[in-house]
Amino acid sequence: MFKTSSGKYIAPQMIENMLKESFFIEQVMVVGENEKFASALLLPNFEYLHGWAHDHRIHFRDNRELITLPKVLKKFQKEVDTYNRQLGKHEQIKRFRLVFEDWTANTGELSPTLKLRRRTLYKKYAHVLREIYAYSEGEENRGKHKFEE
């Protein structure tokens, strides 16, 4: 559990498990401790996304390019919006960013039991989290999870 800057408590694992019900989402980390709103890092299910992109005649070179395409971002926004309807206003994901690098136990983002290693993910995606919360370089929330690089 974490608390937002407005004092509302959020249980990230419940939201993460809900979002992972989407065929499009492989992994998710909900963030927002000491922030004004909850956000998420989303790792797409690229196998499913590639099929969807093919069906919608979306051309791309690699996963890095695929997650930046407007039609793909719009589809993920629709997915997030669908699940947000099941959440309280303070729990809803206000912003998200797609990432393209797999999260595995071998690369350190997941534990051997496949749980998120949040501290590792915070460090790895510090630049993305700064962007979500509009911090400038070197600036950060002074809460529990600092965006260290």
N, C-alpha and C. Protein backbone atom coordinates (compact mmCIF):
# COMPACT_ATOMS: atom_id res chain seq x y z
N MET A 1 0.85 -1.19 0.00
CA MET A 1 0.00 0.00 0.00
C MET A 1 0.88 1.24 0.00
N PHE A 2 0.40 2.26 -0.64
CA PHE A 2 1.07 3.55 -0.53
C PHE A 2 0.03 4.64 -0.42
N LYS A 3 0.51 5.81 0.00
CA LYS A 3 -0.37 6.95 0.22
C LYS A 3 -0.01 8.05 -0.76
N THR A 4 -1.04 8.64 -1.38
CA THR A 4 -0.81 9.76 -2.29
C THR A 4 -0.59 11.04 -1.47
N SER A 5 -0.21 12.11 -2.13
CA SER A 5 0.03 13.37 -1.43
C SER A 5 -1.25 13.93 -0.82
N SER A 6 -2.41 13.47 -1.32
CA SER A 6 -3.69 13.93 -0.75
C SER A 6 -4.15 13.06 0.42
N GLY A 7 -3.33 12.06 0.78
CA GLY A 7 -3.65 11.23 1.94
C GLY A 7 -4.50 10.01 1.65
N LYS A 8 -4.77 9.74 0.38
CA LYS A 8 -5.56 8.56 0.00
C LYS A 8 -4.64 7.36 -0.14
N TYR A 9 -5.11 6.21 0.34
CA TYR A 9 -4.33 4.99 0.24
C TYR A 9 -4.70 4.21 -1.03
N ILE A 10 -3.67 3.62 -1.64
CA ILE A 10 -3.85 2.83 -2.86
C ILE A 10 -3.14 1.50 -2.67
N ALA A 11 -3.82 0.42 -3.06
CA ALA A 11 -3.23 -0.92 -3.04
C ALA A 11 -2.79 -1.25 -4.47
N PRO A 12 -1.51 -1.04 -4.80
CA PRO A 12 -1.08 -1.19 -6.19
C PRO A 12 -1.24 -2.60 -6.75
N GLN A 13 -1.02 -3.63 -5.93
CA GLN A 13 -1.09 -5.00 -6.46
C GLN A 13 -2.48 -5.34 -6.97
N MET A 14 -3.51 -4.86 -6.30
CA MET A 14 -4.88 -5.12 -6.74
C MET A 14 -5.10 -4.50 -8.12
N ILE A 15 -4.64 -3.27 -8.30
CA ILE A 15 -4.80 -2.58 -9.58
C ILE A 15 -3.95 -3.26 -10.66
N GLU A 16 -2.72 -3.63 -10.29
CA GLU A 16 -1.83 -4.30 -11.24
C GLU A 16 -2.44 -5.61 -11.73
N ASN A 17 -2.97 -6.41 -10.80
CA ASN A 17 -3.59 -7.68 -11.18
C ASN A 17 -4.80 -7.47 -12.08
N MET A 18 -5.56 -6.43 -11.81
CA MET A 18 -6.72 -6.11 -12.64
C MET A 18 -6.27 -5.74 -14.06
N LEU A 19 -5.28 -4.87 -14.17
CA LEU A 19 -4.80 -4.44 -15.49
C LEU A 19 -4.20 -5.60 -16.27
N LYS A 20 -3.57 -6.55 -15.58
CA LYS A 20 -2.96 -7.70 -16.27
C LYS A 20 -4.01 -8.66 -16.83
N GLU A 21 -5.29 -8.44 -16.50
CA GLU A 21 -6.35 -9.23 -17.12
C GLU A 21 -6.49 -8.89 -18.61
N SER A 22 -6.03 -7.72 -19.00
CA SER A 22 -6.06 -7.31 -20.40
C SER A 22 -5.11 -8.18 -21.22
N PHE A 23 -5.56 -8.63 -22.40
CA PHE A 23 -4.69 -9.40 -23.30
C PHE A 23 -3.48 -8.57 -23.73
N PHE A 24 -3.61 -7.25 -23.69
CA PHE A 24 -2.56 -6.36 -24.18
C PHE A 24 -1.45 -6.11 -23.17
N ILE A 25 -1.67 -6.44 -21.90
CA ILE A 25 -0.72 -6.07 -20.85
C ILE A 25 -0.08 -7.30 -20.23
N GLU A 26 1.25 -7.37 -20.35
CA GLU A 26 2.02 -8.48 -19.78
C GLU A 26 2.38 -8.22 -18.32
N GLN A 27 2.93 -7.02 -18.06
CA GLN A 27 3.34 -6.63 -16.72
C GLN A 27 2.95 -5.17 -16.49
N VAL A 28 2.78 -4.81 -15.22
CA VAL A 28 2.42 -3.44 -14.88
C VAL A 28 2.96 -3.12 -13.49
N MET A 29 3.40 -1.89 -13.32
CA MET A 29 3.76 -1.40 -11.99
C MET A 29 3.04 -0.08 -11.77
N VAL A 30 2.18 -0.06 -10.76
CA VAL A 30 1.45 1.16 -10.38
C VAL A 30 2.34 1.96 -9.43
N VAL A 31 2.46 3.26 -9.70
CA VAL A 31 3.27 4.16 -8.89
C VAL A 31 2.44 5.35 -8.46
N GLY A 32 2.94 6.11 -7.50
CA GLY A 32 2.24 7.32 -7.07
C GLY A 32 2.39 7.65 -5.61
N GLU A 33 3.31 6.97 -4.93
CA GLU A 33 3.52 7.27 -3.52
C GLU A 33 3.94 8.72 -3.35
N ASN A 34 3.24 9.43 -2.49
CA ASN A 34 3.47 10.86 -2.21
C ASN A 34 3.29 11.75 -3.44
N GLU A 35 2.58 11.26 -4.44
CA GLU A 35 2.30 12.05 -5.64
C GLU A 35 0.81 12.43 -5.63
N LYS A 36 0.41 13.30 -6.56
CA LYS A 36 -0.97 13.75 -6.61
C LYS A 36 -1.91 12.70 -7.20
N PHE A 37 -1.37 11.76 -7.99
CA PHE A 37 -2.21 10.77 -8.66
C PHE A 37 -1.42 9.49 -8.93
N ALA A 38 -2.16 8.43 -9.20
CA ALA A 38 -1.55 7.14 -9.53
C ALA A 38 -1.25 7.08 -11.02
N SER A 39 -0.12 6.46 -11.34
CA SER A 39 0.30 6.25 -12.72
C SER A 39 0.77 4.82 -12.85
N ALA A 40 1.14 4.43 -14.07
CA ALA A 40 1.59 3.05 -14.26
C ALA A 40 2.63 2.95 -15.37
N LEU A 41 3.54 2.03 -15.18
CA LEU A 41 4.43 1.58 -16.25
C LEU A 41 3.83 0.30 -16.78
N LEU A 42 3.61 0.23 -18.08
CA LEU A 42 2.98 -0.93 -18.70
C LEU A 42 3.95 -1.60 -19.67
N LEU A 43 4.14 -2.89 -19.48
CA LEU A 43 4.91 -3.69 -20.43
C LEU A 43 3.89 -4.46 -21.26
N PRO A 44 3.78 -4.14 -22.54
CA PRO A 44 2.79 -4.81 -23.37
C PRO A 44 3.08 -6.30 -23.55
N ASN A 45 2.01 -7.05 -23.83
CA ASN A 45 2.14 -8.43 -24.27
C ASN A 45 2.43 -8.32 -25.77
N PHE A 46 3.71 -8.33 -26.14
CA PHE A 46 4.08 -8.03 -27.52
C PHE A 46 3.58 -9.07 -28.51
N GLU A 47 3.49 -10.31 -28.09
CA GLU A 47 2.97 -11.33 -29.00
C GLU A 47 1.54 -10.99 -29.42
N TYR A 48 0.71 -10.63 -28.45
CA TYR A 48 -0.68 -10.26 -28.73
C TYR A 48 -0.73 -8.93 -29.49
N LEU A 49 0.09 -7.97 -29.08
CA LEU A 49 0.10 -6.66 -29.71
C LEU A 49 0.54 -6.74 -31.17
N HIS A 50 1.49 -7.61 -31.47
CA HIS A 50 1.93 -7.78 -32.87
C HIS A 50 0.77 -8.27 -33.73
N GLY A 51 0.00 -9.23 -33.22
CA GLY A 51 -1.16 -9.72 -33.97
C GLY A 51 -2.20 -8.62 -34.19
N TRP A 52 -2.45 -7.84 -33.12
CA TRP A 52 -3.40 -6.73 -33.22
C TRP A 52 -2.91 -5.70 -34.25
N ALA A 53 -1.62 -5.37 -34.20
CA ALA A 53 -1.05 -4.39 -35.13
C ALA A 53 -1.16 -4.90 -36.57
N HIS A 54 -0.89 -6.16 -36.77
CA HIS A 54 -1.01 -6.75 -38.11
C HIS A 54 -2.46 -6.63 -38.61
N ASP A 55 -3.42 -6.99 -37.74
CA ASP A 55 -4.84 -6.92 -38.11
C ASP A 55 -5.27 -5.50 -38.44
N HIS A 56 -4.63 -4.50 -37.82
CA HIS A 56 -4.98 -3.09 -38.04
C HIS A 56 -4.03 -2.40 -39.02
N ARG A 57 -3.24 -3.20 -39.73
CA ARG A 57 -2.31 -2.69 -40.76
C ARG A 57 -1.37 -1.61 -40.21
N ILE A 58 -0.86 -1.88 -39.04
CA ILE A 58 0.10 -0.97 -38.42
C ILE A 58 1.49 -1.54 -38.66
N HIS A 59 2.34 -0.76 -39.31
CA HIS A 59 3.69 -1.21 -39.64
C HIS A 59 4.68 -0.60 -38.66
N PHE A 60 5.67 -1.40 -38.28
CA PHE A 60 6.68 -0.96 -37.32
C PHE A 60 7.96 -1.77 -37.52
N ARG A 61 9.08 -1.19 -37.11
CA ARG A 61 10.38 -1.85 -37.22
C ARG A 61 10.64 -2.77 -36.03
N ASP A 62 10.34 -2.25 -34.84
CA ASP A 62 10.65 -3.01 -33.63
C ASP A 62 9.70 -2.58 -32.51
N ASN A 63 9.81 -3.24 -31.37
CA ASN A 63 8.92 -2.94 -30.25
C ASN A 63 9.09 -1.51 -29.74
N ARG A 64 10.31 -1.00 -29.81
CA ARG A 64 10.57 0.37 -29.35
C ARG A 64 9.73 1.36 -30.16
N GLU A 65 9.68 1.16 -31.47
CA GLU A 65 8.88 2.03 -32.33
C GLU A 65 7.38 1.77 -32.12
N LEU A 66 7.00 0.51 -32.00
CA LEU A 66 5.59 0.13 -31.89
C LEU A 66 4.90 0.85 -30.73
N ILE A 67 5.57 0.95 -29.58
CA ILE A 67 4.92 1.54 -28.40
C ILE A 67 4.80 3.06 -28.48
N THR A 68 5.36 3.66 -29.53
CA THR A 68 5.25 5.11 -29.69
C THR A 68 4.18 5.52 -30.70
N LEU A 69 3.61 4.54 -31.40
CA LEU A 69 2.65 4.85 -32.45
C LEU A 69 1.31 5.31 -31.88
N PRO A 70 0.72 6.38 -32.43
CA PRO A 70 -0.52 6.93 -31.89
C PRO A 70 -1.67 5.92 -31.77
N LYS A 71 -1.85 5.04 -32.76
CA LYS A 71 -2.93 4.05 -32.69
C LYS A 71 -2.72 3.08 -31.52
N VAL A 72 -1.47 2.73 -31.27
CA VAL A 72 -1.15 1.81 -30.17
C VAL A 72 -1.40 2.51 -28.83
N LEU A 73 -0.94 3.74 -28.70
CA LEU A 73 -1.16 4.50 -27.46
C LEU A 73 -2.65 4.68 -27.19
N LYS A 74 -3.41 4.94 -28.26
CA LYS A 74 -4.85 5.11 -28.12
C LYS A 74 -5.49 3.81 -27.64
N LYS A 75 -5.05 2.68 -28.17
CA LYS A 75 -5.59 1.38 -27.76
C LYS A 75 -5.30 1.12 -26.28
N PHE A 76 -4.08 1.43 -25.84
CA PHE A 76 -3.74 1.22 -24.43
C PHE A 76 -4.52 2.18 -23.53
N GLN A 77 -4.77 3.40 -24.00
CA GLN A 77 -5.59 4.33 -23.21
C GLN A 77 -7.00 3.76 -23.04
N LYS A 78 -7.54 3.16 -24.08
CA LYS A 78 -8.87 2.55 -23.98
C LYS A 78 -8.86 1.39 -22.98
N GLU A 79 -7.80 0.59 -23.00
CA GLU A 79 -7.68 -0.52 -22.06
C GLU A 79 -7.65 0.01 -20.62
N VAL A 80 -6.81 1.01 -20.38
CA VAL A 80 -6.69 1.59 -19.03
C VAL A 80 -8.03 2.20 -18.61
N ASP A 81 -8.68 2.91 -19.52
CA ASP A 81 -9.98 3.53 -19.20
C ASP A 81 -11.02 2.48 -18.80
N THR A 82 -11.01 1.34 -19.47
CA THR A 82 -11.94 0.25 -19.16
C THR A 82 -11.78 -0.20 -17.71
N TYR A 83 -10.54 -0.39 -17.29
CA TYR A 83 -10.29 -0.85 -15.92
C TYR A 83 -10.46 0.27 -14.90
N ASN A 84 -10.18 1.51 -15.30
CA ASN A 84 -10.37 2.65 -14.39
C ASN A 84 -11.81 2.76 -13.92
N ARG A 85 -12.77 2.35 -14.76
CA ARG A 85 -14.19 2.44 -14.39
C ARG A 85 -14.51 1.58 -13.18
N GLN A 86 -13.68 0.58 -12.92
CA GLN A 86 -13.90 -0.33 -11.79
C GLN A 86 -13.21 0.15 -10.51
N LEU A 87 -12.51 1.27 -10.60
CA LEU A 87 -11.72 1.77 -9.47
C LEU A 87 -12.31 3.05 -8.91
N GLY A 88 -11.97 3.33 -7.65
CA GLY A 88 -12.33 4.61 -7.05
C GLY A 88 -11.57 5.73 -7.74
N LYS A 89 -12.09 6.93 -7.67
CA LYS A 89 -11.48 8.07 -8.38
C LYS A 89 -10.00 8.24 -8.02
N HIS A 90 -9.64 8.13 -6.74
CA HIS A 90 -8.25 8.33 -6.34
C HIS A 90 -7.34 7.16 -6.75
N GLU A 91 -7.93 6.00 -7.09
CA GLU A 91 -7.14 4.83 -7.50
C GLU A 91 -6.90 4.78 -9.01
N GLN A 92 -7.64 5.57 -9.77
CA GLN A 92 -7.56 5.48 -11.22
C GLN A 92 -6.20 5.90 -11.75
N ILE A 93 -5.77 5.21 -12.80
CA ILE A 93 -4.49 5.50 -13.43
C ILE A 93 -4.68 6.73 -14.31
N LYS A 94 -4.03 7.82 -13.93
CA LYS A 94 -4.19 9.08 -14.66
C LYS A 94 -3.22 9.16 -15.86
N ARG A 95 -2.03 8.63 -15.68
CA ARG A 95 -1.03 8.63 -16.76
C ARG A 95 -0.35 7.27 -16.77
N PHE A 96 0.10 6.86 -17.94
CA PHE A 96 0.87 5.63 -18.05
C PHE A 96 1.92 5.82 -19.13
N ARG A 97 2.92 4.98 -19.08
CA ARG A 97 3.94 4.94 -20.13
C ARG A 97 4.17 3.48 -20.47
N LEU A 98 4.31 3.22 -21.77
CA LEU A 98 4.63 1.87 -22.23
C LEU A 98 6.15 1.71 -22.26
N VAL A 99 6.61 0.54 -21.90
CA VAL A 99 8.03 0.21 -21.94
C VAL A 99 8.20 -1.03 -22.81
N PHE A 100 9.39 -1.21 -23.39
CA PHE A 100 9.56 -2.30 -24.35
C PHE A 100 10.52 -3.39 -23.89
N GLU A 101 11.24 -3.19 -22.81
CA GLU A 101 12.21 -4.19 -22.35
C GLU A 101 11.52 -5.18 -21.41
N ASP A 102 11.69 -6.48 -21.68
CA ASP A 102 11.08 -7.51 -20.84
C ASP A 102 11.53 -7.38 -19.39
N TRP A 103 10.63 -7.70 -18.49
CA TRP A 103 10.93 -7.76 -17.06
C TRP A 103 11.03 -9.24 -16.70
N THR A 104 12.21 -9.67 -16.30
CA THR A 104 12.40 -11.07 -15.95
C THR A 104 13.21 -11.19 -14.66
N ALA A 105 13.23 -12.40 -14.12
CA ALA A 105 14.07 -12.65 -12.95
C ALA A 105 15.55 -12.58 -13.35
N ASN A 106 15.88 -13.01 -14.56
CA ASN A 106 17.28 -12.99 -15.02
C ASN A 106 17.82 -11.58 -15.16
N THR A 107 16.97 -10.63 -15.57
CA THR A 107 17.43 -9.25 -15.72
C THR A 107 17.21 -8.42 -14.46
N GLY A 108 16.57 -9.01 -13.43
CA GLY A 108 16.49 -8.36 -12.13
C GLY A 108 15.22 -7.59 -11.80
N GLU A 109 14.31 -7.44 -12.77
CA GLU A 109 13.08 -6.69 -12.49
C GLU A 109 12.07 -7.51 -11.70
N LEU A 110 12.18 -8.83 -11.79
CA LEU A 110 11.29 -9.72 -11.06
C LEU A 110 12.09 -10.60 -10.11
N SER A 111 11.49 -10.97 -9.00
CA SER A 111 12.13 -11.89 -8.06
C SER A 111 12.03 -13.31 -8.64
N PRO A 112 12.72 -14.29 -8.03
CA PRO A 112 12.60 -15.67 -8.51
C PRO A 112 11.15 -16.18 -8.48
N THR A 113 10.31 -15.61 -7.61
CA THR A 113 8.89 -15.99 -7.56
C THR A 113 8.03 -15.08 -8.44
N LEU A 114 8.68 -14.30 -9.30
CA LEU A 114 8.04 -13.44 -10.30
C LEU A 114 7.26 -12.27 -9.73
N LYS A 115 7.68 -11.80 -8.55
CA LYS A 115 7.11 -10.58 -7.99
C LYS A 115 7.93 -9.40 -8.48
N LEU A 116 7.27 -8.23 -8.61
CA LEU A 116 7.98 -7.03 -9.06
C LEU A 116 9.05 -6.62 -8.04
N ARG A 117 10.21 -6.29 -8.54
CA ARG A 117 11.24 -5.68 -7.69
C ARG A 117 11.10 -4.18 -7.94
N ARG A 118 10.28 -3.56 -7.12
CA ARG A 118 9.90 -2.16 -7.32
C ARG A 118 11.10 -1.22 -7.30
N ARG A 119 11.99 -1.41 -6.36
CA ARG A 119 13.15 -0.51 -6.27
C ARG A 119 13.98 -0.58 -7.56
N THR A 120 14.17 -1.78 -8.08
CA THR A 120 14.91 -1.94 -9.34
C THR A 120 14.20 -1.24 -10.48
N LEU A 121 12.88 -1.40 -10.54
CA LEU A 121 12.11 -0.76 -11.61
C LEU A 121 12.10 0.76 -11.47
N TYR A 122 12.03 1.25 -10.22
CA TYR A 122 12.10 2.70 -10.01
C TYR A 122 13.42 3.25 -10.54
N LYS A 123 14.51 2.56 -10.27
CA LYS A 123 15.82 3.03 -10.74
C LYS A 123 15.92 2.94 -12.26
N LYS A 124 15.49 1.81 -12.82
CA LYS A 124 15.60 1.60 -14.26
C LYS A 124 14.79 2.62 -15.05
N TYR A 125 13.61 2.97 -14.53
CA TYR A 125 12.71 3.86 -15.26
C TYR A 125 12.60 5.24 -14.60
N ALA A 126 13.65 5.66 -13.91
CA ALA A 126 13.64 6.96 -13.22
C ALA A 126 13.30 8.09 -14.19
N HIS A 127 13.89 8.05 -15.39
CA HIS A 127 13.63 9.11 -16.37
C HIS A 127 12.17 9.12 -16.82
N VAL A 128 11.57 7.97 -16.93
CA VAL A 128 10.16 7.87 -17.33
C VAL A 128 9.25 8.39 -16.20
N LEU A 129 9.58 8.02 -14.97
CA LEU A 129 8.78 8.47 -13.83
C LEU A 129 8.89 9.98 -13.65
N ARG A 130 10.07 10.54 -13.87
CA ARG A 130 10.23 12.01 -13.81
C ARG A 130 9.33 12.67 -14.85
N GLU A 131 9.28 12.07 -16.02
CA GLU A 131 8.45 12.63 -17.10
C GLU A 131 6.96 12.55 -16.74
N ILE A 132 6.53 11.42 -16.20
CA ILE A 132 5.12 11.25 -15.82
C ILE A 132 4.70 12.34 -14.84
N TYR A 133 5.54 12.59 -13.86
CA TYR A 133 5.20 13.55 -12.80
C TYR A 133 5.78 14.94 -13.05
N ALA A 134 6.32 15.16 -14.24
CA ALA A 134 6.80 16.47 -14.68
C ALA A 134 7.89 17.05 -13.79
N TYR A 135 8.79 16.19 -13.34
CA TYR A 135 9.96 16.66 -12.60
C TYR A 135 11.05 16.98 -13.60
N SER A 136 11.84 17.99 -13.31
CA SER A 136 12.98 18.27 -14.17
C SER A 136 14.13 17.36 -13.76
N GLU A 137 15.15 17.31 -14.58
CA GLU A 137 16.32 16.47 -14.28
C GLU A 137 16.90 16.86 -12.93
N GLY A 138 17.14 15.87 -12.09
CA GLY A 138 17.69 16.13 -10.77
C GLY A 138 16.65 16.42 -9.71
N GLU A 139 15.44 16.77 -10.13
CA GLU A 139 14.36 17.03 -9.19
C GLU A 139 13.57 15.74 -9.02
N GLU A 140 13.02 15.54 -7.85
CA GLU A 140 12.25 14.33 -7.60
C GLU A 140 11.36 14.50 -6.40
N ASN A 141 10.43 13.60 -6.27
CA ASN A 141 9.60 13.54 -5.08
C ASN A 141 10.49 13.06 -3.94
N ARG A 142 10.34 13.63 -2.79
CA ARG A 142 11.20 13.27 -1.66
C ARG A 142 10.61 12.14 -0.82
N GLY A 143 9.64 11.42 -1.38
CA GLY A 143 9.01 10.31 -0.67
C GLY A 143 9.91 9.09 -0.61
N LYS A 144 9.32 7.98 -0.28
CA LYS A 144 10.03 6.73 -0.06
C LYS A 144 10.81 6.27 -1.28
N HIS A 145 10.21 6.37 -2.47
CA HIS A 145 10.85 5.89 -3.68
C HIS A 145 11.43 7.08 -4.45
N LYS A 146 12.70 7.26 -4.34
CA LYS A 146 13.36 8.32 -5.10
C LYS A 146 13.67 7.79 -6.48
N PHE A 147 13.63 8.66 -7.46
CA PHE A 147 13.90 8.28 -8.82
C PHE A 147 15.40 8.32 -9.06
N GLU A 148 16.09 7.38 -8.45
CA GLU A 148 17.55 7.34 -8.55
C GLU A 148 17.98 6.71 -9.86
N GLU A 149 19.08 7.16 -10.35
CA GLU A 149 19.64 6.55 -11.56
C GLU A 149 20.98 5.95 -11.25
